[in-house]
Amino acid sequence: MATSLYTGLKENILEEFKQVTAVLEHCELTSPKTFLKPFTIDSVSLLNTNEATVKSLLKEQFSKLSKDVIYKVEVINVIDKDEIISSFKKAKETKHQGRAYSKFNEENVDFIKENKSQNITLYIGSSKAKSVLNRIRCHLGLGAKGTYSMHLKSWLPASQKCMVRITLLELSCPSEGSHSINILELIEQALWNKEKPLLGKQSGLL
């Protein structure tokens, strides 16, 4: 009984891997046609500009997507990585402004500090096309307080004067179709493993 169950399960897994391989061989990760360059906003503008103005800018950039995407949020040209890390930890521990903050990845801190780059990958995620705008609003701190996200505006240190950069990627295939495996989530997890973001949960597919 156990042997036949394992054999059937093994066949299913191998078939799924064949599907993944076929998709990856014929598809590409590309920037959406309506989003060819990463979105950037300097921390001073994020912290001090009227929220309605920033929301309008986000709507212009993130409301025209037709496909589900992977998104990567970074802070670049960081002056002091320790200040970024400690500022978020304090906000999360004290539930600053009554907000629900993303998971803090303590296991990735050493990697971030030892990396010579002055950039920090904060978050790797994926989203349905229709939900990207709202998700990015929440991450920047312009959405609902109770939604688990980064809420950058509420804790990003003004002294850093860094840039927030958001990159989007979509899966472009010669022939679109449904797959039994969410390929985008598998790619998201691979990117998560490579970048080791400071915040956010890892996809649970692998």
N, C-alpha and C. Protein backbone atom coordinates (compact mmCIF):
# COMPACT_ATOMS: atom_id res chain seq x y z
N MET A 1 0.83 -1.20 0.00
CA MET A 1 0.00 0.00 0.00
C MET A 1 0.87 1.26 0.00
N ALA A 2 1.84 1.28 0.93
CA ALA A 2 2.73 2.44 1.04
C ALA A 2 3.57 2.59 -0.22
N THR A 3 4.02 1.44 -0.77
CA THR A 3 4.86 1.47 -1.97
C THR A 3 4.10 2.03 -3.16
N SER A 4 2.86 1.58 -3.34
CA SER A 4 2.05 2.06 -4.47
C SER A 4 1.72 3.54 -4.31
N LEU A 5 1.49 3.97 -3.06
CA LEU A 5 1.22 5.38 -2.81
C LEU A 5 2.42 6.23 -3.16
N TYR A 6 3.61 5.77 -2.74
CA TYR A 6 4.84 6.50 -3.04
C TYR A 6 5.09 6.55 -4.55
N THR A 7 4.86 5.42 -5.23
CA THR A 7 5.08 5.37 -6.68
C THR A 7 4.20 6.38 -7.41
N GLY A 8 2.92 6.42 -7.00
CA GLY A 8 2.00 7.38 -7.62
C GLY A 8 2.40 8.81 -7.34
N LEU A 9 2.82 9.06 -6.10
CA LEU A 9 3.24 10.41 -5.71
C LEU A 9 4.49 10.82 -6.48
N LYS A 10 5.43 9.88 -6.60
CA LYS A 10 6.67 10.15 -7.32
C LYS A 10 6.38 10.52 -8.77
N GLU A 11 5.45 9.80 -9.39
CA GLU A 11 5.09 10.09 -10.78
C GLU A 11 4.49 11.49 -10.92
N ASN A 12 3.67 11.86 -9.96
CA ASN A 12 3.07 13.20 -9.98
C ASN A 12 4.13 14.29 -9.85
N ILE A 13 5.07 14.07 -8.93
CA ILE A 13 6.14 15.05 -8.71
C ILE A 13 7.00 15.20 -9.95
N LEU A 14 7.37 14.06 -10.57
CA LEU A 14 8.20 14.10 -11.77
C LEU A 14 7.48 14.81 -12.91
N GLU A 15 6.18 14.60 -13.02
CA GLU A 15 5.40 15.26 -14.06
C GLU A 15 5.37 16.77 -13.83
N GLU A 16 5.24 17.17 -12.57
CA GLU A 16 5.24 18.59 -12.25
C GLU A 16 6.59 19.23 -12.56
N PHE A 17 7.67 18.51 -12.27
CA PHE A 17 8.99 19.04 -12.60
C PHE A 17 9.18 19.19 -14.11
N LYS A 18 8.59 18.27 -14.88
CA LYS A 18 8.65 18.39 -16.34
C LYS A 18 7.95 19.67 -16.79
N GLN A 19 6.81 19.96 -16.17
CA GLN A 19 6.08 21.18 -16.51
C GLN A 19 6.91 22.42 -16.19
N VAL A 20 7.53 22.40 -15.02
CA VAL A 20 8.37 23.54 -14.61
C VAL A 20 9.51 23.73 -15.60
N THR A 21 10.19 22.64 -15.95
CA THR A 21 11.32 22.71 -16.88
C THR A 21 10.88 23.26 -18.23
N ALA A 22 9.74 22.79 -18.72
CA ALA A 22 9.24 23.24 -20.02
C ALA A 22 8.94 24.74 -20.01
N VAL A 23 8.33 25.20 -18.93
CA VAL A 23 8.00 26.62 -18.83
C VAL A 23 9.27 27.47 -18.77
N LEU A 24 10.21 27.06 -17.93
CA LEU A 24 11.43 27.84 -17.75
C LEU A 24 12.28 27.88 -19.02
N GLU A 25 12.21 26.82 -19.82
CA GLU A 25 12.99 26.77 -21.06
C GLU A 25 12.43 27.71 -22.13
N HIS A 26 11.13 27.92 -22.12
CA HIS A 26 10.49 28.68 -23.19
C HIS A 26 10.00 30.06 -22.77
N CYS A 27 10.13 30.38 -21.51
CA CYS A 27 9.64 31.66 -21.01
C CYS A 27 10.79 32.52 -20.50
N GLU A 28 10.51 33.80 -20.33
CA GLU A 28 11.51 34.73 -19.81
C GLU A 28 10.91 35.58 -18.70
N LEU A 29 11.78 35.99 -17.79
CA LEU A 29 11.37 36.99 -16.80
C LEU A 29 11.69 38.35 -17.38
N THR A 30 10.69 39.18 -17.52
CA THR A 30 10.88 40.50 -18.13
C THR A 30 10.19 41.56 -17.31
N SER A 31 10.54 42.80 -17.56
CA SER A 31 9.81 43.92 -16.96
C SER A 31 8.50 44.10 -17.71
N PRO A 32 7.40 44.38 -17.01
CA PRO A 32 6.14 44.65 -17.70
C PRO A 32 6.30 45.80 -18.70
N LYS A 33 5.58 45.73 -19.82
CA LYS A 33 5.70 46.76 -20.86
C LYS A 33 5.32 48.14 -20.35
N THR A 34 4.46 48.19 -19.35
CA THR A 34 4.05 49.48 -18.79
C THR A 34 4.93 49.91 -17.62
N PHE A 35 5.99 49.12 -17.37
CA PHE A 35 6.83 49.36 -16.19
C PHE A 35 8.27 48.99 -16.53
N LEU A 36 8.85 49.65 -17.51
CA LEU A 36 10.16 49.27 -18.03
C LEU A 36 11.30 49.63 -17.09
N LYS A 37 11.13 50.67 -16.29
CA LYS A 37 12.17 51.08 -15.35
C LYS A 37 11.68 50.90 -13.92
N PRO A 38 12.58 50.56 -12.99
CA PRO A 38 12.16 50.47 -11.59
C PRO A 38 11.58 51.79 -11.09
N PHE A 39 10.62 51.68 -10.19
CA PHE A 39 10.05 52.88 -9.56
C PHE A 39 10.97 53.29 -8.41
N THR A 40 11.31 54.56 -8.34
CA THR A 40 12.14 55.05 -7.24
C THR A 40 11.52 56.28 -6.60
N ILE A 41 11.73 56.39 -5.31
CA ILE A 41 11.33 57.59 -4.58
C ILE A 41 12.34 57.78 -3.46
N ASP A 42 12.83 58.99 -3.30
CA ASP A 42 13.80 59.22 -2.23
C ASP A 42 13.09 59.27 -0.89
N SER A 43 13.82 58.90 0.14
CA SER A 43 13.22 58.77 1.47
C SER A 43 12.67 60.09 1.99
N VAL A 44 13.32 61.19 1.65
CA VAL A 44 12.84 62.51 2.11
C VAL A 44 11.46 62.79 1.52
N SER A 45 11.29 62.50 0.24
CA SER A 45 9.99 62.71 -0.41
C SER A 45 8.93 61.79 0.18
N LEU A 46 9.29 60.53 0.42
CA LEU A 46 8.34 59.59 0.99
C LEU A 46 7.87 60.04 2.36
N LEU A 47 8.80 60.55 3.17
CA LEU A 47 8.48 60.94 4.54
C LEU A 47 7.75 62.27 4.62
N ASN A 48 7.99 63.16 3.67
CA ASN A 48 7.49 64.53 3.81
C ASN A 48 6.45 64.97 2.79
N THR A 49 6.34 64.27 1.67
CA THR A 49 5.38 64.68 0.65
C THR A 49 3.97 64.30 1.06
N ASN A 50 3.01 65.14 0.69
CA ASN A 50 1.60 64.86 0.98
C ASN A 50 1.23 63.46 0.49
N GLU A 51 0.53 62.70 1.34
CA GLU A 51 0.21 61.31 1.00
C GLU A 51 -0.59 61.20 -0.29
N ALA A 52 -1.50 62.13 -0.51
CA ALA A 52 -2.33 62.09 -1.71
C ALA A 52 -1.47 62.20 -2.97
N THR A 53 -0.42 63.00 -2.89
CA THR A 53 0.48 63.17 -4.03
C THR A 53 1.23 61.88 -4.33
N VAL A 54 1.72 61.23 -3.28
CA VAL A 54 2.45 59.97 -3.47
C VAL A 54 1.51 58.88 -3.98
N LYS A 55 0.29 58.83 -3.44
CA LYS A 55 -0.68 57.84 -3.89
C LYS A 55 -1.01 58.02 -5.37
N SER A 56 -1.11 59.27 -5.79
CA SER A 56 -1.38 59.56 -7.20
C SER A 56 -0.24 59.07 -8.09
N LEU A 57 0.97 59.27 -7.61
CA LEU A 57 2.15 58.82 -8.35
C LEU A 57 2.18 57.29 -8.45
N LEU A 58 1.84 56.63 -7.36
CA LEU A 58 1.80 55.17 -7.35
C LEU A 58 0.73 54.64 -8.30
N LYS A 59 -0.43 55.28 -8.29
CA LYS A 59 -1.52 54.86 -9.17
C LYS A 59 -1.10 54.93 -10.63
N GLU A 60 -0.40 55.99 -10.97
CA GLU A 60 0.08 56.17 -12.34
C GLU A 60 1.03 55.05 -12.75
N GLN A 61 1.83 54.59 -11.80
CA GLN A 61 2.87 53.60 -12.11
C GLN A 61 2.40 52.15 -12.01
N PHE A 62 1.49 51.86 -11.06
CA PHE A 62 1.19 50.47 -10.74
C PHE A 62 -0.23 50.00 -11.09
N SER A 63 -1.02 50.81 -11.75
CA SER A 63 -2.42 50.44 -12.01
C SER A 63 -2.66 49.92 -13.43
N LYS A 64 -1.61 49.79 -14.23
CA LYS A 64 -1.81 49.40 -15.64
C LYS A 64 -1.24 48.02 -15.95
N LEU A 65 -1.01 47.24 -14.94
CA LEU A 65 -0.40 45.92 -15.14
C LEU A 65 -1.45 44.90 -15.59
N SER A 66 -1.07 44.02 -16.49
CA SER A 66 -2.00 43.03 -17.02
C SER A 66 -1.69 41.61 -16.54
N LYS A 67 -0.49 41.41 -15.97
CA LYS A 67 -0.08 40.09 -15.51
C LYS A 67 0.34 40.13 -14.05
N ASP A 68 0.28 38.97 -13.41
CA ASP A 68 0.80 38.84 -12.04
C ASP A 68 2.31 39.09 -12.06
N VAL A 69 2.83 39.61 -10.97
CA VAL A 69 4.24 39.99 -10.95
C VAL A 69 4.96 39.53 -9.68
N ILE A 70 6.28 39.47 -9.79
CA ILE A 70 7.17 39.40 -8.63
C ILE A 70 7.68 40.81 -8.41
N TYR A 71 7.75 41.24 -7.15
CA TYR A 71 8.29 42.57 -6.89
C TYR A 71 9.41 42.50 -5.86
N LYS A 72 10.37 43.38 -6.05
CA LYS A 72 11.52 43.47 -5.16
C LYS A 72 11.62 44.90 -4.67
N VAL A 73 11.66 45.07 -3.36
CA VAL A 73 11.77 46.41 -2.76
C VAL A 73 13.12 46.53 -2.08
N GLU A 74 13.86 47.58 -2.43
CA GLU A 74 15.19 47.82 -1.86
C GLU A 74 15.29 49.24 -1.33
N VAL A 75 16.22 49.45 -0.42
CA VAL A 75 16.69 50.80 -0.13
C VAL A 75 18.12 50.86 -0.66
N ILE A 76 18.43 51.88 -1.43
CA ILE A 76 19.75 51.97 -2.07
C ILE A 76 20.49 53.21 -1.58
N ASN A 77 21.81 53.14 -1.66
CA ASN A 77 22.69 54.21 -1.17
C ASN A 77 22.49 54.46 0.32
N VAL A 78 22.42 53.36 1.06
CA VAL A 78 22.22 53.43 2.51
C VAL A 78 23.49 53.91 3.20
N ILE A 79 23.35 54.83 4.13
CA ILE A 79 24.50 55.36 4.87
C ILE A 79 24.88 54.42 6.01
N ASP A 80 23.89 53.91 6.72
CA ASP A 80 24.14 53.08 7.91
C ASP A 80 23.14 51.93 7.94
N LYS A 81 23.59 50.74 7.60
CA LYS A 81 22.71 49.57 7.58
C LYS A 81 22.16 49.26 8.97
N ASP A 82 22.99 49.42 9.98
CA ASP A 82 22.56 49.12 11.35
C ASP A 82 21.37 49.99 11.76
N GLU A 83 21.37 51.24 11.33
CA GLU A 83 20.26 52.13 11.69
C GLU A 83 18.97 51.69 11.03
N ILE A 84 19.06 51.26 9.78
CA ILE A 84 17.87 50.76 9.07
C ILE A 84 17.31 49.55 9.81
N ILE A 85 18.18 48.62 10.15
CA ILE A 85 17.76 47.38 10.80
C ILE A 85 17.16 47.64 12.18
N SER A 86 17.85 48.45 12.98
CA SER A 86 17.37 48.71 14.35
C SER A 86 16.09 49.53 14.35
N SER A 87 15.94 50.42 13.37
CA SER A 87 14.74 51.25 13.30
C SER A 87 13.51 50.39 13.03
N PHE A 88 13.65 49.42 12.13
CA PHE A 88 12.51 48.54 11.87
C PHE A 88 12.21 47.66 13.08
N LYS A 89 13.25 47.10 13.69
CA LYS A 89 13.04 46.22 14.84
C LYS A 89 12.29 46.94 15.96
N LYS A 90 12.67 48.19 16.20
CA LYS A 90 12.00 48.96 17.25
C LYS A 90 10.54 49.20 16.90
N ALA A 91 10.28 49.55 15.63
CA ALA A 91 8.90 49.80 15.20
C ALA A 91 8.05 48.55 15.36
N LYS A 92 8.61 47.40 15.00
CA LYS A 92 7.85 46.15 15.09
C LYS A 92 7.63 45.75 16.55
N GLU A 93 8.67 45.86 17.36
CA GLU A 93 8.57 45.46 18.76
C GLU A 93 7.58 46.32 19.54
N THR A 94 7.52 47.61 19.21
CA THR A 94 6.63 48.53 19.93
C THR A 94 5.28 48.70 19.24
N LYS A 95 5.10 48.00 18.10
CA LYS A 95 3.87 48.14 17.29
C LYS A 95 3.60 49.61 17.01
N HIS A 96 4.65 50.30 16.56
CA HIS A 96 4.62 51.74 16.31
C HIS A 96 3.42 52.14 15.44
N GLN A 97 2.69 53.13 15.89
CA GLN A 97 1.49 53.65 15.21
C GLN A 97 0.39 52.61 15.05
N GLY A 98 0.48 51.53 15.82
CA GLY A 98 -0.55 50.49 15.77
C GLY A 98 -0.56 49.71 14.46
N ARG A 99 0.60 49.61 13.81
CA ARG A 99 0.67 48.95 12.51
C ARG A 99 1.10 47.49 12.62
N ALA A 100 0.69 46.70 11.64
CA ALA A 100 1.06 45.28 11.56
C ALA A 100 2.27 45.16 10.63
N TYR A 101 3.44 44.93 11.22
CA TYR A 101 4.68 44.93 10.44
C TYR A 101 5.05 43.53 9.95
N SER A 102 5.74 43.51 8.82
CA SER A 102 6.21 42.26 8.21
C SER A 102 7.14 41.49 9.15
N LYS A 103 7.30 40.22 8.89
CA LYS A 103 8.23 39.37 9.64
C LYS A 103 9.66 39.91 9.48
N PHE A 104 10.39 39.93 10.60
CA PHE A 104 11.80 40.33 10.57
C PHE A 104 12.66 39.08 10.43
N ASN A 105 13.53 39.05 9.42
CA ASN A 105 14.34 37.87 9.15
C ASN A 105 15.73 37.98 9.80
N GLU A 106 15.77 37.65 11.06
CA GLU A 106 17.02 37.72 11.83
C GLU A 106 18.12 36.89 11.17
N GLU A 107 17.73 35.77 10.56
CA GLU A 107 18.72 34.86 9.96
C GLU A 107 19.43 35.47 8.75
N ASN A 108 18.89 36.56 8.20
CA ASN A 108 19.50 37.19 7.02
C ASN A 108 20.34 38.43 7.36
N VAL A 109 20.36 38.81 8.62
CA VAL A 109 21.02 40.06 9.01
C VAL A 109 22.53 40.02 8.74
N ASP A 110 23.19 38.93 9.10
CA ASP A 110 24.64 38.84 8.88
C ASP A 110 24.98 38.96 7.40
N PHE A 111 24.20 38.29 6.56
CA PHE A 111 24.42 38.37 5.11
C PHE A 111 24.31 39.81 4.63
N ILE A 112 23.30 40.53 5.12
CA ILE A 112 23.08 41.92 4.71
C ILE A 112 24.23 42.81 5.17
N LYS A 113 24.66 42.63 6.41
CA LYS A 113 25.73 43.47 6.94
C LYS A 113 27.07 43.20 6.26
N GLU A 114 27.32 41.93 5.93
CA GLU A 114 28.60 41.56 5.33
C GLU A 114 28.67 41.90 3.84
N ASN A 115 27.52 42.07 3.23
CA ASN A 115 27.49 42.44 1.81
C ASN A 115 28.06 43.85 1.64
N LYS A 116 29.03 44.01 0.74
CA LYS A 116 29.70 45.29 0.57
C LYS A 116 28.82 46.35 -0.10
N SER A 117 27.76 45.92 -0.74
CA SER A 117 26.85 46.86 -1.38
C SER A 117 26.19 47.75 -0.34
N GLN A 118 25.93 48.99 -0.71
CA GLN A 118 25.22 49.91 0.18
C GLN A 118 23.71 49.86 -0.02
N ASN A 119 23.27 48.78 -0.64
CA ASN A 119 21.84 48.56 -0.84
C ASN A 119 21.37 47.43 0.08
N ILE A 120 20.11 47.50 0.48
CA ILE A 120 19.51 46.43 1.28
C ILE A 120 18.24 45.97 0.58
N THR A 121 18.17 44.67 0.29
CA THR A 121 16.91 44.12 -0.21
C THR A 121 15.98 43.96 0.99
N LEU A 122 14.91 44.72 0.98
CA LEU A 122 13.97 44.68 2.10
C LEU A 122 12.94 43.58 1.96
N TYR A 123 12.45 43.37 0.74
CA TYR A 123 11.28 42.50 0.59
C TYR A 123 11.23 41.91 -0.82
N ILE A 124 10.90 40.62 -0.90
CA ILE A 124 10.62 39.95 -2.16
C ILE A 124 9.20 39.39 -2.05
N GLY A 125 8.35 39.71 -3.01
CA GLY A 125 6.98 39.22 -2.95
C GLY A 125 6.40 39.02 -4.33
N SER A 126 5.19 38.49 -4.38
CA SER A 126 4.47 38.35 -5.64
C SER A 126 3.04 38.80 -5.42
N SER A 127 2.40 39.20 -6.51
CA SER A 127 1.05 39.74 -6.36
C SER A 127 0.26 39.57 -7.65
N LYS A 128 -1.04 39.40 -7.51
CA LYS A 128 -1.93 39.46 -8.66
C LYS A 128 -1.87 40.86 -9.25
N ALA A 129 -2.03 40.96 -10.57
CA ALA A 129 -1.92 42.25 -11.24
C ALA A 129 -2.85 43.30 -10.63
N LYS A 130 -4.07 42.89 -10.31
CA LYS A 130 -5.06 43.84 -9.80
C LYS A 130 -4.77 44.29 -8.36
N SER A 131 -3.87 43.57 -7.67
CA SER A 131 -3.60 43.87 -6.26
C SER A 131 -2.27 44.57 -6.02
N VAL A 132 -1.46 44.72 -7.08
CA VAL A 132 -0.12 45.28 -6.91
C VAL A 132 -0.17 46.68 -6.31
N LEU A 133 -1.02 47.54 -6.85
CA LEU A 133 -1.08 48.93 -6.38
C LEU A 133 -1.35 48.99 -4.88
N ASN A 134 -2.34 48.26 -4.41
CA ASN A 134 -2.67 48.29 -2.99
C ASN A 134 -1.54 47.72 -2.15
N ARG A 135 -0.88 46.67 -2.67
CA ARG A 135 0.22 46.06 -1.92
C ARG A 135 1.38 47.03 -1.76
N ILE A 136 1.73 47.73 -2.82
CA ILE A 136 2.83 48.69 -2.76
C ILE A 136 2.47 49.86 -1.84
N ARG A 137 1.23 50.32 -1.89
CA ARG A 137 0.79 51.38 -0.97
C ARG A 137 1.03 50.96 0.47
N CYS A 138 0.63 49.73 0.80
CA CYS A 138 0.80 49.25 2.17
C CYS A 138 2.28 49.17 2.55
N HIS A 139 3.09 48.67 1.65
CA HIS A 139 4.52 48.55 1.95
C HIS A 139 5.15 49.92 2.20
N LEU A 140 4.72 50.92 1.48
CA LEU A 140 5.28 52.26 1.67
C LEU A 140 4.69 52.96 2.89
N GLY A 141 3.65 52.39 3.47
CA GLY A 141 3.04 52.98 4.66
C GLY A 141 1.88 53.89 4.36
N LEU A 142 1.24 53.68 3.19
CA LEU A 142 0.13 54.53 2.77
C LEU A 142 -1.17 53.75 2.68
N GLY A 143 -1.19 52.57 3.29
CA GLY A 143 -2.37 51.72 3.24
C GLY A 143 -2.92 51.44 4.63
N ALA A 144 -3.70 50.39 4.72
CA ALA A 144 -4.33 50.03 6.00
C ALA A 144 -3.29 49.63 7.04
N LYS A 145 -3.44 50.16 8.25
CA LYS A 145 -2.48 49.86 9.33
C LYS A 145 -2.46 48.38 9.69
N GLY A 146 -3.62 47.72 9.57
CA GLY A 146 -3.73 46.34 10.00
C GLY A 146 -3.27 45.31 8.99
N THR A 147 -2.85 45.76 7.81
CA THR A 147 -2.36 44.83 6.78
C THR A 147 -0.88 44.57 6.99
N TYR A 148 -0.50 43.31 7.13
CA TYR A 148 0.91 42.99 7.34
C TYR A 148 1.74 43.41 6.13
N SER A 149 2.64 44.34 6.35
CA SER A 149 3.50 44.87 5.29
C SER A 149 4.62 45.67 5.95
N MET A 150 5.47 46.29 5.14
CA MET A 150 6.64 46.99 5.71
C MET A 150 6.29 48.32 6.36
N HIS A 151 5.31 49.05 5.82
CA HIS A 151 4.94 50.37 6.36
C HIS A 151 6.16 51.29 6.47
N LEU A 152 6.91 51.41 5.38
CA LEU A 152 8.18 52.14 5.38
C LEU A 152 8.08 53.56 5.94
N LYS A 153 7.03 54.25 5.59
CA LYS A 153 6.90 55.66 5.98
C LYS A 153 6.92 55.86 7.49
N SER A 154 6.52 54.82 8.23
CA SER A 154 6.40 54.97 9.68
C SER A 154 7.71 54.72 10.44
N TRP A 155 8.74 54.20 9.76
CA TRP A 155 9.96 53.89 10.51
C TRP A 155 11.27 54.20 9.77
N LEU A 156 11.23 54.43 8.47
CA LEU A 156 12.46 54.68 7.72
C LEU A 156 13.14 55.94 8.26
N PRO A 157 14.39 55.83 8.72
CA PRO A 157 15.06 56.98 9.34
C PRO A 157 15.28 58.13 8.36
N ALA A 158 14.87 59.32 8.75
CA ALA A 158 15.04 60.50 7.89
C ALA A 158 16.51 60.80 7.63
N SER A 159 17.36 60.42 8.59
CA SER A 159 18.79 60.72 8.48
C SER A 159 19.48 59.95 7.36
N GLN A 160 18.87 58.88 6.88
CA GLN A 160 19.51 58.04 5.86
C GLN A 160 19.57 58.71 4.48
N LYS A 161 18.54 59.45 4.14
CA LYS A 161 18.47 60.11 2.82
C LYS A 161 18.81 59.14 1.70
N CYS A 162 18.18 57.97 1.76
CA CYS A 162 18.41 56.93 0.76
C CYS A 162 17.28 56.93 -0.26
N MET A 163 17.34 56.00 -1.19
CA MET A 163 16.29 55.86 -2.19
C MET A 163 15.58 54.53 -1.99
N VAL A 164 14.27 54.54 -2.19
CA VAL A 164 13.50 53.30 -2.21
C VAL A 164 13.30 52.92 -3.68
N ARG A 165 13.66 51.69 -4.02
CA ARG A 165 13.55 51.24 -5.41
C ARG A 165 12.69 49.98 -5.48
N ILE A 166 11.72 49.99 -6.39
CA ILE A 166 10.82 48.86 -6.56
C ILE A 166 10.94 48.34 -7.99
N THR A 167 11.30 47.07 -8.12
CA THR A 167 11.45 46.43 -9.43
C THR A 167 10.35 45.39 -9.60
N LEU A 168 9.73 45.35 -10.77
CA LEU A 168 8.71 44.37 -11.08
C LEU A 168 9.20 43.42 -12.17
N LEU A 169 8.82 42.14 -12.05
CA LEU A 169 9.14 41.14 -13.06
C LEU A 169 7.90 40.31 -13.36
N GLU A 170 7.69 39.99 -14.63
CA GLU A 170 6.58 39.12 -15.01
C GLU A 170 7.11 37.99 -15.88
N LEU A 171 6.35 36.90 -15.95
CA LEU A 171 6.74 35.74 -16.75
C LEU A 171 6.16 35.91 -18.14
N SER A 172 7.03 35.98 -19.13
CA SER A 172 6.61 36.16 -20.52
C SER A 172 6.83 34.87 -21.29
N CYS A 173 5.74 34.29 -21.82
CA CYS A 173 5.82 33.00 -22.51
C CYS A 173 5.28 33.13 -23.93
N PRO A 174 5.81 32.31 -24.88
CA PRO A 174 5.32 32.33 -26.25
C PRO A 174 3.82 32.05 -26.34
N SER A 175 3.36 31.11 -25.54
CA SER A 175 1.93 30.79 -25.51
C SER A 175 1.50 30.74 -24.06
N GLU A 176 0.56 31.60 -23.72
CA GLU A 176 0.09 31.66 -22.34
C GLU A 176 -0.82 30.46 -22.05
N GLY A 177 -0.75 29.96 -20.86
CA GLY A 177 -1.61 28.85 -20.48
C GLY A 177 -1.57 28.64 -18.99
N SER A 178 -2.46 27.81 -18.49
CA SER A 178 -2.49 27.54 -17.06
C SER A 178 -1.54 26.39 -16.75
N HIS A 179 -0.92 26.44 -15.59
CA HIS A 179 0.00 25.39 -15.17
C HIS A 179 -0.43 24.89 -13.80
N SER A 180 -0.23 23.59 -13.57
CA SER A 180 -0.65 23.02 -12.29
C SER A 180 0.21 23.54 -11.15
N ILE A 181 1.38 24.06 -11.47
CA ILE A 181 2.26 24.63 -10.46
C ILE A 181 2.34 26.14 -10.68
N ASN A 182 2.34 26.89 -9.61
CA ASN A 182 2.50 28.34 -9.75
C ASN A 182 3.98 28.64 -9.98
N ILE A 183 4.35 28.74 -11.25
CA ILE A 183 5.76 28.94 -11.61
C ILE A 183 6.29 30.24 -11.01
N LEU A 184 5.45 31.26 -11.00
CA LEU A 184 5.89 32.56 -10.50
C LEU A 184 6.31 32.47 -9.04
N GLU A 185 5.59 31.67 -8.26
CA GLU A 185 5.95 31.53 -6.85
C GLU A 185 7.26 30.76 -6.67
N LEU A 186 7.50 29.80 -7.55
CA LEU A 186 8.78 29.08 -7.50
C LEU A 186 9.94 30.03 -7.79
N ILE A 187 9.74 30.90 -8.78
CA ILE A 187 10.78 31.87 -9.12
C ILE A 187 10.95 32.87 -7.98
N GLU A 188 9.84 33.27 -7.37
CA GLU A 188 9.90 34.18 -6.23
C GLU A 188 10.74 33.58 -5.11
N GLN A 189 10.54 32.29 -4.85
CA GLN A 189 11.29 31.65 -3.77
C GLN A 189 12.78 31.58 -4.10
N ALA A 190 13.10 31.29 -5.37
CA ALA A 190 14.50 31.25 -5.78
C ALA A 190 15.15 32.62 -5.61
N LEU A 191 14.42 33.67 -5.95
CA LEU A 191 14.94 35.03 -5.79
C LEU A 191 15.09 35.37 -4.31
N TRP A 192 14.14 34.94 -3.49
CA TRP A 192 14.20 35.15 -2.04
C TRP A 192 15.47 34.51 -1.47
N ASN A 193 15.74 33.27 -1.89
CA ASN A 193 16.93 32.56 -1.41
C ASN A 193 18.21 33.27 -1.81
N LYS A 194 18.22 33.86 -3.00
CA LYS A 194 19.41 34.54 -3.50
C LYS A 194 19.61 35.89 -2.81
N GLU A 195 18.54 36.66 -2.67
CA GLU A 195 18.64 38.03 -2.16
C GLU A 195 18.65 38.11 -0.63
N LYS A 196 18.04 37.13 0.03
CA LYS A 196 17.95 37.10 1.50
C LYS A 196 17.42 38.43 2.05
N PRO A 197 16.16 38.74 1.79
CA PRO A 197 15.61 40.02 2.22
C PRO A 197 15.52 40.17 3.74
N LEU A 198 15.56 41.40 4.18
CA LEU A 198 15.49 41.69 5.61
C LEU A 198 14.12 41.37 6.19
N LEU A 199 13.09 41.54 5.37
CA LEU A 199 11.72 41.44 5.86
C LEU A 199 10.87 40.51 4.99
N GLY A 200 9.80 40.01 5.59
CA GLY A 200 8.82 39.24 4.84
C GLY A 200 9.02 37.74 4.90
N LYS A 201 7.91 37.02 4.78
CA LYS A 201 7.95 35.56 4.83
C LYS A 201 8.41 34.99 3.49
N GLN A 202 9.00 33.82 3.57
CA GLN A 202 9.42 33.10 2.38
C GLN A 202 8.27 32.28 1.84
N SER A 203 8.16 32.21 0.51
CA SER A 203 7.15 31.37 -0.11
C SER A 203 7.34 29.94 0.36
N GLY A 204 6.24 29.22 0.55
CA GLY A 204 6.34 27.88 1.14
C GLY A 204 6.27 26.74 0.16
N LEU A 205 6.57 26.99 -1.12
CA LEU A 205 6.40 25.94 -2.11
C LEU A 205 7.54 24.93 -2.15
N LEU A 206 8.72 25.30 -1.68
CA LEU A 206 9.84 24.35 -1.73
C LEU A 206 10.36 24.10 -0.31
